N, C-alpha and C. Protein backbone atom coordinates (compact mmCIF):
# COMPACT_ATOMS: atom_id res chain seq x y z
N MET A 1 83.23 94.74 111.07
CA MET A 1 84.62 94.79 111.57
C MET A 1 85.56 95.26 110.46
N PRO A 2 86.49 96.13 110.80
CA PRO A 2 87.45 96.58 109.80
C PRO A 2 88.29 95.42 109.27
N ALA A 3 88.74 95.56 108.04
CA ALA A 3 89.60 94.54 107.43
C ALA A 3 90.88 94.36 108.23
N ASP A 4 91.26 93.11 108.47
CA ASP A 4 92.51 92.84 109.17
C ASP A 4 93.72 93.23 108.32
N THR A 5 93.59 93.05 107.00
CA THR A 5 94.68 93.35 106.09
C THR A 5 94.16 94.15 104.91
N LEU A 6 94.85 95.24 104.58
CA LEU A 6 94.48 96.10 103.46
C LEU A 6 95.63 96.17 102.46
N VAL A 7 95.29 96.03 101.19
CA VAL A 7 96.23 96.35 100.12
C VAL A 7 95.84 97.73 99.59
N VAL A 8 96.77 98.66 99.68
CA VAL A 8 96.54 100.04 99.25
C VAL A 8 97.33 100.28 97.97
N THR A 9 96.63 100.70 96.92
CA THR A 9 97.27 100.95 95.63
C THR A 9 96.99 102.39 95.22
N GLU A 10 98.04 103.13 94.87
CA GLU A 10 97.88 104.51 94.40
C GLU A 10 98.71 104.71 93.15
N VAL A 11 98.17 105.48 92.21
CA VAL A 11 98.88 105.71 90.96
C VAL A 11 98.56 107.11 90.44
N PRO A 12 99.57 107.85 89.94
CA PRO A 12 99.32 109.15 89.33
C PRO A 12 98.86 108.99 87.89
N VAL A 13 97.89 109.82 87.49
CA VAL A 13 97.27 109.71 86.17
C VAL A 13 97.51 111.01 85.41
N LEU A 14 97.61 110.92 84.09
CA LEU A 14 97.75 112.12 83.26
C LEU A 14 96.56 113.05 83.50
N GLU A 15 96.83 114.34 83.54
CA GLU A 15 95.84 115.33 83.96
C GLU A 15 94.53 115.24 83.18
N ASP A 16 94.61 115.02 81.87
CA ASP A 16 93.40 115.00 81.05
C ASP A 16 92.81 113.60 80.89
N SER A 17 93.28 112.65 81.70
CA SER A 17 92.84 111.25 81.53
C SER A 17 92.26 110.64 82.80
N VAL A 18 91.95 111.46 83.80
CA VAL A 18 91.50 110.91 85.08
C VAL A 18 90.18 110.17 84.92
N GLU A 19 89.21 110.79 84.23
CA GLU A 19 87.90 110.14 84.07
C GLU A 19 88.03 108.84 83.30
N SER A 20 88.87 108.84 82.29
CA SER A 20 89.10 107.62 81.51
C SER A 20 89.72 106.54 82.39
N ALA A 21 90.67 106.93 83.23
CA ALA A 21 91.32 105.97 84.12
C ALA A 21 90.32 105.39 85.12
N ILE A 22 89.45 106.24 85.66
CA ILE A 22 88.43 105.77 86.60
C ILE A 22 87.53 104.73 85.93
N GLU A 23 87.10 105.01 84.71
CA GLU A 23 86.22 104.07 84.01
C GLU A 23 86.93 102.75 83.75
N THR A 24 88.20 102.81 83.36
CA THR A 24 88.97 101.59 83.13
C THR A 24 89.11 100.79 84.41
N TRP A 25 89.40 101.48 85.52
CA TRP A 25 89.58 100.79 86.80
C TRP A 25 88.26 100.17 87.25
N ARG A 26 87.16 100.88 87.04
CA ARG A 26 85.84 100.34 87.39
C ARG A 26 85.56 99.03 86.65
N LYS A 27 85.87 99.01 85.36
CA LYS A 27 85.64 97.80 84.56
C LYS A 27 86.52 96.65 85.08
N HIS A 28 87.75 96.98 85.43
CA HIS A 28 88.64 95.95 85.99
C HIS A 28 88.07 95.39 87.27
N ASN A 29 87.59 96.26 88.17
CA ASN A 29 87.06 95.80 89.45
C ASN A 29 85.76 95.02 89.28
N ALA A 30 84.96 95.38 88.27
CA ALA A 30 83.73 94.63 88.00
C ALA A 30 84.06 93.20 87.57
N ALA A 31 85.19 93.03 86.92
CA ALA A 31 85.62 91.69 86.50
C ALA A 31 86.27 90.91 87.63
N HIS A 32 86.66 91.62 88.70
CA HIS A 32 87.30 90.99 89.85
C HIS A 32 86.66 91.50 91.15
N PRO A 33 85.38 91.20 91.36
CA PRO A 33 84.70 91.72 92.56
C PRO A 33 85.30 91.17 93.84
N ALA A 34 85.34 92.03 94.86
CA ALA A 34 85.87 91.63 96.17
C ALA A 34 85.18 92.48 97.23
N PRO A 35 84.77 91.89 98.34
CA PRO A 35 84.10 92.65 99.39
C PRO A 35 84.95 93.83 99.87
N GLY A 36 84.35 95.01 99.89
CA GLY A 36 85.01 96.19 100.41
C GLY A 36 85.91 96.93 99.43
N ARG A 37 86.18 96.34 98.28
CA ARG A 37 87.08 96.99 97.31
C ARG A 37 86.49 98.34 96.89
N SER A 38 87.26 99.41 97.05
CA SER A 38 86.76 100.76 96.78
C SER A 38 87.82 101.62 96.11
N LEU A 39 87.35 102.50 95.23
CA LEU A 39 88.22 103.36 94.44
C LEU A 39 87.96 104.82 94.80
N TYR A 40 89.03 105.61 94.86
CA TYR A 40 88.96 107.02 95.27
C TYR A 40 89.81 107.88 94.35
N ARG A 41 89.41 109.16 94.31
CA ARG A 41 90.17 110.16 93.55
C ARG A 41 90.67 111.23 94.50
N ALA A 42 91.93 111.58 94.42
CA ALA A 42 92.50 112.60 95.30
C ALA A 42 91.85 113.95 95.04
N LEU A 43 91.59 114.70 96.11
CA LEU A 43 91.04 116.04 95.94
C LEU A 43 92.09 116.99 95.40
N GLU A 44 93.36 116.73 95.68
CA GLU A 44 94.46 117.55 95.17
C GLU A 44 95.44 116.64 94.45
N GLY A 45 95.66 116.94 93.18
CA GLY A 45 96.55 116.10 92.38
C GLY A 45 95.77 115.04 91.63
N ASP A 46 96.31 114.62 90.51
CA ASP A 46 95.63 113.66 89.65
C ASP A 46 96.08 112.24 89.99
N THR A 47 95.62 111.75 91.14
CA THR A 47 95.96 110.39 91.55
C THR A 47 94.69 109.63 91.92
N LEU A 48 94.74 108.32 91.72
CA LEU A 48 93.67 107.42 92.11
C LEU A 48 94.20 106.47 93.18
N LEU A 49 93.30 106.08 94.08
CA LEU A 49 93.66 105.22 95.20
C LEU A 49 92.63 104.11 95.31
N GLU A 50 93.09 102.89 95.56
CA GLU A 50 92.20 101.77 95.81
C GLU A 50 92.52 101.15 97.16
N LEU A 51 91.48 100.87 97.94
CA LEU A 51 91.61 100.05 99.14
C LEU A 51 91.01 98.68 98.84
N LEU A 52 91.76 97.63 99.12
CA LEU A 52 91.31 96.27 98.88
C LEU A 52 91.55 95.42 100.12
N PRO A 53 90.48 95.09 100.87
CA PRO A 53 90.63 94.16 101.99
C PRO A 53 90.97 92.76 101.47
N VAL A 54 91.90 92.09 102.12
CA VAL A 54 92.27 90.72 101.75
C VAL A 54 92.34 89.86 103.00
N ALA A 55 92.32 88.56 102.78
CA ALA A 55 92.32 87.59 103.89
C ALA A 55 93.76 87.26 104.30
N GLY A 56 94.44 88.24 104.86
CA GLY A 56 95.78 88.01 105.37
C GLY A 56 96.86 88.21 104.32
N LEU A 57 98.10 88.23 104.78
CA LEU A 57 99.24 88.48 103.91
C LEU A 57 99.38 87.42 102.83
N GLY A 58 98.97 86.20 103.14
CA GLY A 58 99.09 85.12 102.16
C GLY A 58 98.25 85.32 100.92
N ALA A 59 97.21 86.16 101.02
CA ALA A 59 96.33 86.39 99.87
C ALA A 59 96.94 87.34 98.85
N VAL A 60 97.99 88.06 99.24
CA VAL A 60 98.55 89.08 98.35
C VAL A 60 99.14 88.46 97.09
N ALA A 61 99.79 87.32 97.22
CA ALA A 61 100.42 86.68 96.05
C ALA A 61 99.40 86.38 94.96
N GLY A 62 98.17 86.08 95.35
CA GLY A 62 97.13 85.74 94.38
C GLY A 62 96.63 86.93 93.58
N LEU A 63 97.09 88.13 93.92
CA LEU A 63 96.66 89.33 93.19
C LEU A 63 97.56 89.65 92.01
N ARG A 64 98.62 88.90 91.84
CA ARG A 64 99.63 89.23 90.82
C ARG A 64 99.02 89.35 89.43
N ASP A 65 98.15 88.41 89.03
CA ASP A 65 97.56 88.46 87.69
C ASP A 65 96.65 89.67 87.53
N GLN A 66 95.90 90.01 88.60
CA GLN A 66 95.05 91.20 88.55
C GLN A 66 95.88 92.46 88.37
N TRP A 67 97.00 92.53 89.08
CA TRP A 67 97.87 93.70 88.97
C TRP A 67 98.40 93.84 87.54
N GLN A 68 98.74 92.72 86.93
CA GLN A 68 99.25 92.78 85.56
C GLN A 68 98.17 93.25 84.60
N GLU A 69 96.94 92.78 84.79
CA GLU A 69 95.83 93.22 83.95
C GLU A 69 95.60 94.73 84.09
N LEU A 70 95.64 95.22 85.34
CA LEU A 70 95.41 96.64 85.57
C LEU A 70 96.55 97.46 84.97
N TRP A 71 97.78 96.98 85.11
CA TRP A 71 98.94 97.64 84.51
C TRP A 71 98.72 97.81 83.00
N THR A 72 98.33 96.73 82.34
CA THR A 72 98.14 96.75 80.89
C THR A 72 97.03 97.72 80.49
N ALA A 73 95.94 97.69 81.26
CA ALA A 73 94.78 98.52 80.91
C ALA A 73 95.03 100.00 81.15
N LEU A 74 95.76 100.35 82.21
CA LEU A 74 95.93 101.75 82.59
C LEU A 74 97.18 102.42 82.04
N THR A 75 98.15 101.64 81.59
CA THR A 75 99.44 102.20 81.17
C THR A 75 99.34 103.42 80.26
N PRO A 76 98.47 103.44 79.25
CA PRO A 76 98.45 104.60 78.34
C PRO A 76 98.07 105.92 79.02
N VAL A 77 97.45 105.89 80.19
CA VAL A 77 96.98 107.13 80.82
C VAL A 77 97.72 107.45 82.13
N LEU A 78 98.80 106.74 82.41
CA LEU A 78 99.50 106.93 83.67
C LEU A 78 100.64 107.93 83.57
N ALA A 79 100.80 108.72 84.64
CA ALA A 79 101.90 109.67 84.74
C ALA A 79 103.04 109.13 85.59
N GLY A 80 102.85 107.96 86.18
CA GLY A 80 103.87 107.35 87.03
C GLY A 80 103.48 105.92 87.35
N ASP A 81 104.32 105.26 88.09
CA ASP A 81 104.14 103.84 88.39
C ASP A 81 103.19 103.64 89.57
N PHE A 82 102.74 102.41 89.73
CA PHE A 82 101.88 102.04 90.86
C PHE A 82 102.68 102.04 92.16
N ARG A 83 102.08 102.59 93.22
CA ARG A 83 102.62 102.49 94.57
C ARG A 83 101.70 101.59 95.37
N ARG A 84 102.25 100.54 95.93
CA ARG A 84 101.42 99.60 96.70
C ARG A 84 102.03 99.36 98.08
N GLN A 85 101.12 99.11 99.03
CA GLN A 85 101.57 98.72 100.36
C GLN A 85 100.52 97.82 101.00
N VAL A 86 100.98 97.01 101.93
CA VAL A 86 100.11 96.11 102.68
C VAL A 86 100.10 96.58 104.13
N LEU A 87 98.90 96.76 104.67
CA LEU A 87 98.73 97.25 106.03
C LEU A 87 97.96 96.24 106.87
N GLU A 88 98.32 96.16 108.17
CA GLU A 88 97.61 95.29 109.11
C GLU A 88 96.91 96.14 110.16
N PHE A 89 95.67 95.75 110.48
CA PHE A 89 94.85 96.47 111.45
C PHE A 89 95.45 96.38 112.85
N VAL A 90 95.41 97.51 113.58
CA VAL A 90 95.90 97.56 114.95
C VAL A 90 94.76 97.85 115.93
N GLU A 91 94.04 98.96 115.71
CA GLU A 91 92.96 99.34 116.62
C GLU A 91 92.08 100.38 115.96
N ALA A 92 90.91 100.62 116.58
CA ALA A 92 89.93 101.53 115.99
C ALA A 92 89.36 102.46 117.06
N PRO A 93 89.87 103.68 117.17
CA PRO A 93 89.26 104.64 118.08
C PRO A 93 87.84 105.01 117.69
N LYS A 94 87.52 104.92 116.39
CA LYS A 94 86.13 105.04 115.93
C LYS A 94 85.89 103.90 114.95
N ASN A 95 85.15 102.91 115.41
CA ASN A 95 85.03 101.65 114.68
C ASN A 95 83.97 101.71 113.59
N THR A 96 83.90 100.64 112.82
CA THR A 96 82.89 100.49 111.77
C THR A 96 82.51 99.02 111.66
N ASP A 97 81.28 98.78 111.23
CA ASP A 97 80.84 97.41 110.97
C ASP A 97 81.29 96.94 109.59
N ASP A 98 81.80 97.87 108.79
CA ASP A 98 82.23 97.55 107.43
C ASP A 98 83.72 97.25 107.39
N LEU A 99 84.17 96.70 106.28
CA LEU A 99 85.59 96.38 106.12
C LEU A 99 86.45 97.63 106.03
N ILE A 100 85.90 98.67 105.40
CA ILE A 100 86.56 99.97 105.32
C ILE A 100 85.50 101.03 105.56
N PRO A 101 85.87 102.29 105.78
CA PRO A 101 84.86 103.32 106.01
C PRO A 101 83.88 103.45 104.84
N ASP A 102 82.60 103.38 105.12
CA ASP A 102 81.56 103.54 104.10
C ASP A 102 81.15 105.01 104.07
N THR A 103 82.06 105.86 103.62
CA THR A 103 81.87 107.31 103.65
C THR A 103 82.23 107.92 102.30
N ALA A 104 81.78 109.15 102.10
CA ALA A 104 82.03 109.83 100.83
C ALA A 104 83.48 110.22 100.66
N TYR A 105 84.15 110.47 101.77
CA TYR A 105 85.54 110.91 101.73
C TYR A 105 86.40 110.02 102.61
N LEU A 106 87.67 110.00 102.26
CA LEU A 106 88.66 109.22 103.00
C LEU A 106 89.92 110.06 103.15
N GLN A 107 90.49 110.03 104.34
CA GLN A 107 91.80 110.65 104.51
C GLN A 107 92.79 109.58 104.98
N MET A 108 93.93 109.55 104.32
CA MET A 108 95.02 108.68 104.72
C MET A 108 96.04 109.55 105.46
N ARG A 109 96.33 109.16 106.71
CA ARG A 109 97.22 109.94 107.57
C ARG A 109 98.39 109.03 107.95
N HIS A 110 99.56 109.32 107.41
CA HIS A 110 100.72 108.46 107.61
C HIS A 110 101.76 109.13 108.49
N VAL A 111 102.39 108.35 109.33
CA VAL A 111 103.52 108.84 110.11
C VAL A 111 104.47 107.68 110.37
N GLU A 112 105.76 107.96 110.26
CA GLU A 112 106.77 106.95 110.59
C GLU A 112 107.26 107.21 112.01
N VAL A 113 107.10 106.21 112.87
CA VAL A 113 107.44 106.35 114.29
C VAL A 113 108.77 105.66 114.56
N LYS A 114 109.58 106.28 115.38
CA LYS A 114 110.86 105.70 115.77
C LYS A 114 110.62 104.40 116.55
N PRO A 115 111.13 103.27 116.10
CA PRO A 115 110.85 102.00 116.76
C PRO A 115 111.14 101.96 118.27
N PRO A 116 112.22 102.56 118.79
CA PRO A 116 112.45 102.46 120.23
C PRO A 116 111.36 103.08 121.10
N VAL A 117 110.58 104.01 120.52
CA VAL A 117 109.55 104.69 121.32
C VAL A 117 108.15 104.31 120.85
N PHE A 118 108.04 103.23 120.09
CA PHE A 118 106.74 102.90 119.49
C PHE A 118 105.67 102.60 120.54
N GLU A 119 106.00 101.83 121.57
CA GLU A 119 104.99 101.50 122.58
C GLU A 119 104.59 102.74 123.37
N ALA A 120 105.54 103.61 123.65
CA ALA A 120 105.21 104.87 124.32
C ALA A 120 104.33 105.73 123.42
N TYR A 121 104.60 105.70 122.11
CA TYR A 121 103.79 106.45 121.16
C TYR A 121 102.34 105.96 121.17
N ARG A 122 102.16 104.65 121.22
CA ARG A 122 100.79 104.12 121.21
C ARG A 122 100.01 104.58 122.43
N GLU A 123 100.64 104.59 123.58
CA GLU A 123 99.96 105.08 124.78
C GLU A 123 99.68 106.58 124.65
N TRP A 124 100.64 107.32 124.14
CA TRP A 124 100.48 108.77 123.98
C TRP A 124 99.36 109.10 123.00
N ARG A 125 99.29 108.38 121.87
CA ARG A 125 98.28 108.71 120.87
C ARG A 125 96.87 108.42 121.35
N ASP A 126 96.71 107.44 122.23
CA ASP A 126 95.39 107.15 122.78
C ASP A 126 94.89 108.32 123.63
N GLN A 127 95.81 108.99 124.29
CA GLN A 127 95.45 110.10 125.17
C GLN A 127 95.35 111.44 124.43
N THR A 128 95.87 111.51 123.22
CA THR A 128 95.93 112.78 122.49
C THR A 128 95.16 112.69 121.16
N ILE A 129 95.76 112.07 120.16
CA ILE A 129 95.13 111.98 118.84
C ILE A 129 93.77 111.32 118.93
N PHE A 130 93.72 110.16 119.57
CA PHE A 130 92.46 109.42 119.62
C PHE A 130 91.42 110.14 120.46
N ASP A 131 91.85 110.87 121.46
CA ASP A 131 90.91 111.65 122.27
C ASP A 131 90.24 112.72 121.41
N VAL A 132 91.01 113.38 120.57
CA VAL A 132 90.45 114.38 119.66
C VAL A 132 89.46 113.72 118.69
N VAL A 133 89.86 112.60 118.12
CA VAL A 133 89.03 111.90 117.14
C VAL A 133 87.71 111.44 117.76
N ARG A 134 87.79 110.86 118.94
CA ARG A 134 86.57 110.36 119.58
C ARG A 134 85.58 111.48 119.88
N GLY A 135 86.08 112.70 120.08
CA GLY A 135 85.21 113.82 120.39
C GLY A 135 84.77 114.64 119.19
N ALA A 136 85.18 114.26 118.00
CA ALA A 136 84.87 115.03 116.79
C ALA A 136 83.77 114.35 115.98
N ASP A 137 82.62 114.99 115.89
CA ASP A 137 81.51 114.42 115.12
C ASP A 137 81.84 114.33 113.63
N GLU A 138 82.71 115.20 113.16
CA GLU A 138 83.06 115.20 111.74
C GLU A 138 83.79 113.93 111.32
N VAL A 139 84.47 113.29 112.26
CA VAL A 139 85.20 112.06 111.98
C VAL A 139 84.28 110.88 112.28
N GLU A 140 83.88 110.16 111.26
CA GLU A 140 82.91 109.07 111.45
C GLU A 140 83.57 107.72 111.69
N VAL A 141 84.69 107.50 111.05
CA VAL A 141 85.45 106.25 111.22
C VAL A 141 86.92 106.61 111.29
N PHE A 142 87.65 105.98 112.20
CA PHE A 142 89.08 106.24 112.32
C PHE A 142 89.76 104.93 112.70
N LEU A 143 90.53 104.39 111.77
CA LEU A 143 91.15 103.07 111.94
C LEU A 143 92.66 103.21 111.92
N ALA A 144 93.34 102.54 112.83
CA ALA A 144 94.80 102.57 112.89
C ALA A 144 95.37 101.28 112.31
N TYR A 145 96.22 101.43 111.31
CA TYR A 145 96.92 100.30 110.68
C TYR A 145 98.42 100.51 110.82
N HIS A 146 99.16 99.43 110.57
CA HIS A 146 100.62 99.53 110.53
C HIS A 146 101.12 98.77 109.32
N SER A 147 102.17 99.29 108.70
CA SER A 147 102.67 98.68 107.47
C SER A 147 103.30 97.32 107.72
N VAL A 148 103.07 96.42 106.76
CA VAL A 148 103.75 95.12 106.72
C VAL A 148 104.75 95.13 105.58
N LEU A 149 104.29 95.60 104.42
CA LEU A 149 105.15 95.78 103.25
C LEU A 149 104.88 97.18 102.71
N SER A 150 105.90 98.02 102.64
CA SER A 150 105.69 99.38 102.18
C SER A 150 107.02 100.08 101.95
N THR A 151 107.03 100.99 100.96
CA THR A 151 108.19 101.86 100.79
C THR A 151 108.05 103.09 101.68
N GLU A 152 106.89 103.25 102.33
CA GLU A 152 106.65 104.30 103.32
C GLU A 152 106.19 103.63 104.62
N PRO A 153 107.11 103.01 105.34
CA PRO A 153 106.72 102.22 106.51
C PRO A 153 106.21 103.08 107.64
N GLY A 154 105.41 102.47 108.49
CA GLY A 154 104.95 103.16 109.68
C GLY A 154 103.47 103.01 109.92
N VAL A 155 102.91 104.00 110.60
CA VAL A 155 101.51 104.01 110.99
C VAL A 155 100.68 104.66 109.89
N MET A 156 99.53 104.08 109.57
CA MET A 156 98.59 104.69 108.64
C MET A 156 97.22 104.73 109.31
N PHE A 157 96.69 105.95 109.48
CA PHE A 157 95.33 106.11 109.95
C PHE A 157 94.42 106.24 108.73
N VAL A 158 93.38 105.40 108.69
CA VAL A 158 92.38 105.46 107.62
C VAL A 158 91.14 106.11 108.21
N SER A 159 90.86 107.33 107.79
CA SER A 159 89.81 108.14 108.40
C SER A 159 88.69 108.39 107.39
N GLY A 160 87.46 108.06 107.77
CA GLY A 160 86.32 108.25 106.89
C GLY A 160 85.40 109.35 107.38
N PHE A 161 84.89 110.16 106.44
CA PHE A 161 84.00 111.25 106.83
C PHE A 161 83.06 111.61 105.68
N ASN A 162 81.91 112.21 106.03
CA ASN A 162 80.93 112.69 105.06
C ASN A 162 80.78 114.20 105.09
N ALA A 163 81.37 114.86 106.07
CA ALA A 163 81.29 116.32 106.17
C ALA A 163 82.05 116.97 105.02
N GLU A 164 81.83 118.28 104.84
CA GLU A 164 82.63 119.00 103.86
C GLU A 164 84.10 118.92 104.29
N PRO A 165 85.02 118.75 103.34
CA PRO A 165 86.43 118.60 103.70
C PRO A 165 86.96 119.72 104.58
N ALA A 166 86.51 120.94 104.36
CA ALA A 166 87.00 122.06 105.18
C ALA A 166 86.60 121.89 106.64
N ALA A 167 85.37 121.42 106.87
CA ALA A 167 84.91 121.21 108.24
C ALA A 167 85.67 120.06 108.89
N TYR A 168 85.95 119.03 108.11
CA TYR A 168 86.70 117.89 108.63
C TYR A 168 88.13 118.29 108.99
N THR A 169 88.81 118.98 108.09
CA THR A 169 90.22 119.30 108.33
C THR A 169 90.38 120.28 109.50
N ALA A 170 89.32 121.04 109.80
CA ALA A 170 89.39 121.96 110.93
C ALA A 170 89.64 121.22 112.24
N VAL A 171 89.21 119.96 112.31
CA VAL A 171 89.43 119.15 113.51
C VAL A 171 90.93 119.01 113.79
N PHE A 172 91.73 118.97 112.73
CA PHE A 172 93.16 118.69 112.85
C PHE A 172 94.04 119.92 112.65
N THR A 173 93.43 121.10 112.65
CA THR A 173 94.23 122.31 112.44
C THR A 173 94.05 123.34 113.55
N ASP A 174 93.24 123.04 114.55
CA ASP A 174 93.07 124.02 115.62
C ASP A 174 94.31 124.02 116.52
N GLU A 175 94.33 124.92 117.48
CA GLU A 175 95.52 125.11 118.31
C GLU A 175 95.85 123.86 119.12
N ARG A 176 94.82 123.19 119.64
CA ARG A 176 95.07 121.99 120.45
C ARG A 176 95.77 120.91 119.62
N TYR A 177 95.26 120.68 118.40
CA TYR A 177 95.85 119.61 117.61
C TYR A 177 97.24 119.98 117.11
N GLN A 178 97.46 121.25 116.83
CA GLN A 178 98.80 121.66 116.41
C GLN A 178 99.83 121.42 117.51
N GLU A 179 99.41 121.56 118.76
CA GLU A 179 100.30 121.24 119.87
C GLU A 179 100.58 119.74 119.92
N ILE A 180 99.57 118.93 119.62
CA ILE A 180 99.76 117.48 119.56
C ILE A 180 100.78 117.13 118.48
N VAL A 181 100.68 117.78 117.33
CA VAL A 181 101.62 117.53 116.24
C VAL A 181 103.04 117.90 116.66
N ARG A 182 103.17 119.03 117.37
CA ARG A 182 104.50 119.44 117.83
C ARG A 182 105.08 118.42 118.81
N GLN A 183 104.24 117.91 119.72
CA GLN A 183 104.69 116.88 120.66
C GLN A 183 105.17 115.64 119.92
N ALA A 184 104.38 115.22 118.95
CA ALA A 184 104.73 114.01 118.19
C ALA A 184 106.05 114.21 117.46
N GLY A 185 106.22 115.39 116.85
CA GLY A 185 107.44 115.66 116.11
C GLY A 185 108.67 115.65 117.00
N ASP A 186 108.52 116.14 118.20
CA ASP A 186 109.65 116.20 119.13
C ASP A 186 110.01 114.82 119.68
N ARG A 187 108.99 113.98 119.90
CA ARG A 187 109.23 112.75 120.65
C ARG A 187 109.25 111.47 119.80
N TYR A 188 108.38 111.39 118.80
CA TYR A 188 108.09 110.09 118.21
C TYR A 188 108.34 109.97 116.71
N ILE A 189 108.15 111.03 115.96
CA ILE A 189 108.11 110.92 114.51
C ILE A 189 109.52 110.97 113.91
N THR A 190 109.80 110.04 113.01
CA THR A 190 111.04 110.08 112.26
C THR A 190 111.01 111.28 111.33
N GLY A 191 111.99 112.17 111.46
CA GLY A 191 112.01 113.37 110.64
C GLY A 191 111.24 114.52 111.23
N GLY A 192 110.76 114.39 112.48
CA GLY A 192 110.03 115.48 113.12
C GLY A 192 108.66 115.70 112.52
N GLU A 193 108.13 116.91 112.62
CA GLU A 193 106.79 117.20 112.13
C GLU A 193 106.65 116.94 110.63
N ARG A 194 107.75 117.06 109.89
CA ARG A 194 107.70 116.83 108.45
C ARG A 194 107.43 115.37 108.11
N GLY A 195 107.52 114.48 109.09
CA GLY A 195 107.25 113.07 108.86
C GLY A 195 105.77 112.73 108.79
N LEU A 196 104.91 113.72 108.99
CA LEU A 196 103.47 113.50 108.94
C LEU A 196 102.97 113.73 107.51
N TYR A 197 102.21 112.76 106.99
CA TYR A 197 101.69 112.83 105.63
C TYR A 197 100.17 112.65 105.67
N THR A 198 99.43 113.56 105.03
CA THR A 198 97.99 113.42 104.96
C THR A 198 97.51 113.70 103.54
N LYS A 199 96.45 113.00 103.13
CA LYS A 199 95.86 113.23 101.81
C LYS A 199 94.40 112.81 101.84
N ILE A 200 93.55 113.63 101.22
CA ILE A 200 92.11 113.38 101.22
C ILE A 200 91.67 112.94 99.83
N TYR A 201 90.74 111.98 99.80
CA TYR A 201 90.21 111.41 98.57
C TYR A 201 88.69 111.39 98.62
N ALA A 202 88.08 111.50 97.45
CA ALA A 202 86.63 111.33 97.31
C ALA A 202 86.36 109.96 96.71
N ARG A 203 85.38 109.30 97.25
CA ARG A 203 85.04 107.95 96.77
C ARG A 203 84.36 108.04 95.39
N VAL A 204 84.83 107.24 94.46
CA VAL A 204 84.23 107.25 93.12
C VAL A 204 83.64 105.90 92.76
N ASP A 205 83.95 104.86 93.53
CA ASP A 205 83.40 103.55 93.21
C ASP A 205 83.57 102.64 94.41
N ALA A 206 82.71 101.64 94.50
CA ALA A 206 82.83 100.65 95.59
C ALA A 206 82.25 99.34 95.12
N GLU A 207 82.81 98.27 95.60
CA GLU A 207 82.28 96.92 95.34
C GLU A 207 81.91 96.33 96.67
N ALA A 208 80.61 96.28 96.99
CA ALA A 208 80.14 95.84 98.31
C ALA A 208 80.21 94.34 98.44
C-alpha cells in the first residue's frame, strides 16, 4: 500500500559536488533507516530529492533533529536551501504494494487546482488523466497526493517507471494528452497551463 503521508525534500547542489552530496546523504540515511526512504537525482539540473514515508502528520515533528544533521552535513556543497513539503495520499490509478514506487525513475507532477472546482477536477481527471495512465504500459505506478504543508500547494502525482525517459514522456506529449492539458488549463489549474510542473529523477539509493 502506498504511504499515507510523504515528506518530500529537495535541495539544489553545487554542480561539481553532486556525487559528494549523494554519498553524504546516503550515510545520513544509513544512520536513520526508515521503510521506503529513497533518494533520487534530477535528470535535469543539479538537485537531489528524497521521499520519506511517515506515520501521519504527527510524525513530522520528530524529524527535526535529522533535518538539522543533514543541514550540517550538506551545507558546504549546497547551492540553495532545502525545500520540504508534506503530502497526503488520495488515490492510486496505478497502485503499488510498496510505500513508494519501486522503480528506477520517478516523475513528480504538480498542479495547483482552483478550490471551487476541486471536486469537479477530481471527476474530470479520472476520466482523462487517469484513463491515459491506466492504458500506458510505460507508467508502472501512479499515485495521487495532495499537499498538507507546502510552499507549492496542490495536487502532486508521484509516477514511477522503468522505461527509458523518452518513451515514458511520450505518454504525456501526444496530441490526446496535450488536449487534456489545455482543458485543465482552461477549467481547473491556477495560472492556466503554466501551473503544471513536472520533473523526472533517477533513483540513486533506497532504504527498504
